[in-house]
């Protein structure tokens, strides 16, 4: 069996990498619904779960 091409990563290096990754993964921001009658917070680029509108169109009934 030949030697490994990769070196073992130290515990500090692995933990530093994981800490950076966890800092970037966060809760997605909520934006207010553009429907003036609704205005509830919703995830961006999705239909509003409260009023059922997306980009000014009614896509489903809530």
Protein backbone atom coordinates (compact mmCIF):
# COMPACT_ATOMS: atom_id res chain seq x y z
CA UNK A 1 0.00 0.00 0.00
CA UNK A 2 1.40 3.39 -0.95
CA UNK A 3 1.54 6.44 1.23
CA UNK A 4 -1.38 8.82 1.39
CA UNK A 5 -1.40 11.85 -0.88
CA UNK A 6 -3.17 13.94 1.75
CA UNK A 7 -1.94 15.12 5.10
CA UNK A 8 -3.87 14.75 8.32
CA UNK A 9 -5.59 17.98 9.27
CA UNK A 10 -4.92 19.14 12.79
CA UNK A 11 -7.77 19.52 15.26
CA UNK A 12 -7.35 23.30 15.29
CA UNK A 13 -7.51 23.53 11.50
CA UNK A 14 -10.63 21.37 11.32
CA UNK A 15 -12.37 23.33 14.08
CA UNK A 16 -11.44 26.65 12.46
CA UNK A 17 -12.91 25.45 9.15
CA UNK A 18 -16.11 24.27 10.80
CA UNK A 19 -16.50 27.53 12.73
CA UNK A 20 -16.24 29.52 9.49
CA UNK A 21 -18.82 27.28 7.81
CA UNK A 22 -21.28 27.58 10.69
CA UNK A 23 -20.96 31.35 10.60
CA UNK A 24 -22.07 31.47 6.97
CA UNK A 25 -25.03 29.12 7.37
CA UNK A 26 -27.71 31.18 9.03
CA UNK A 27 -31.44 31.58 9.19
CA UNK A 28 -32.73 32.99 5.90
CA UNK A 29 -33.90 36.58 6.00
CA UNK A 30 -37.61 37.28 5.97
CA UNK A 31 -39.04 40.02 3.78
CA UNK A 32 -42.45 41.66 4.16
CA UNK A 33 -45.14 40.56 1.73
CA UNK A 34 -45.56 43.21 -0.99
CA UNK A 35 -49.35 42.78 -0.81
CA UNK A 36 -50.53 45.91 1.03
CA UNK A 37 -53.40 44.04 2.66
CA UNK A 38 -51.09 41.34 4.03
CA UNK A 39 -47.57 42.61 4.83
CA UNK A 40 -46.67 39.44 6.77
CA UNK A 41 -43.01 38.34 6.83
CA UNK A 42 -42.18 35.59 4.32
CA UNK A 43 -39.04 33.97 2.86
CA UNK A 44 -37.79 35.76 -0.27
CA UNK A 45 -38.67 34.37 -3.72
CA UNK A 46 -41.60 32.33 -2.40
CA UNK A 47 -45.36 32.73 -2.38
CA UNK A 48 -46.75 34.26 0.78
CA UNK A 49 -48.18 31.51 3.00
CA UNK A 50 -50.69 33.96 4.52
CA UNK A 51 -52.30 35.52 1.45
CA UNK A 52 -51.14 33.18 -1.35
CA UNK A 53 -49.73 35.85 -3.67
CA UNK A 54 -46.45 35.81 -5.58
CA UNK A 55 -45.26 38.77 -7.66
CA UNK A 56 -48.68 40.36 -7.52
CA UNK A 57 -50.58 37.26 -8.69
CA UNK A 58 -52.80 34.93 -6.68
CA UNK A 59 -51.07 31.53 -7.01
CA UNK A 60 -53.06 29.57 -4.39
CA UNK A 61 -55.73 30.06 -1.79
CA UNK A 62 -54.38 30.18 1.76
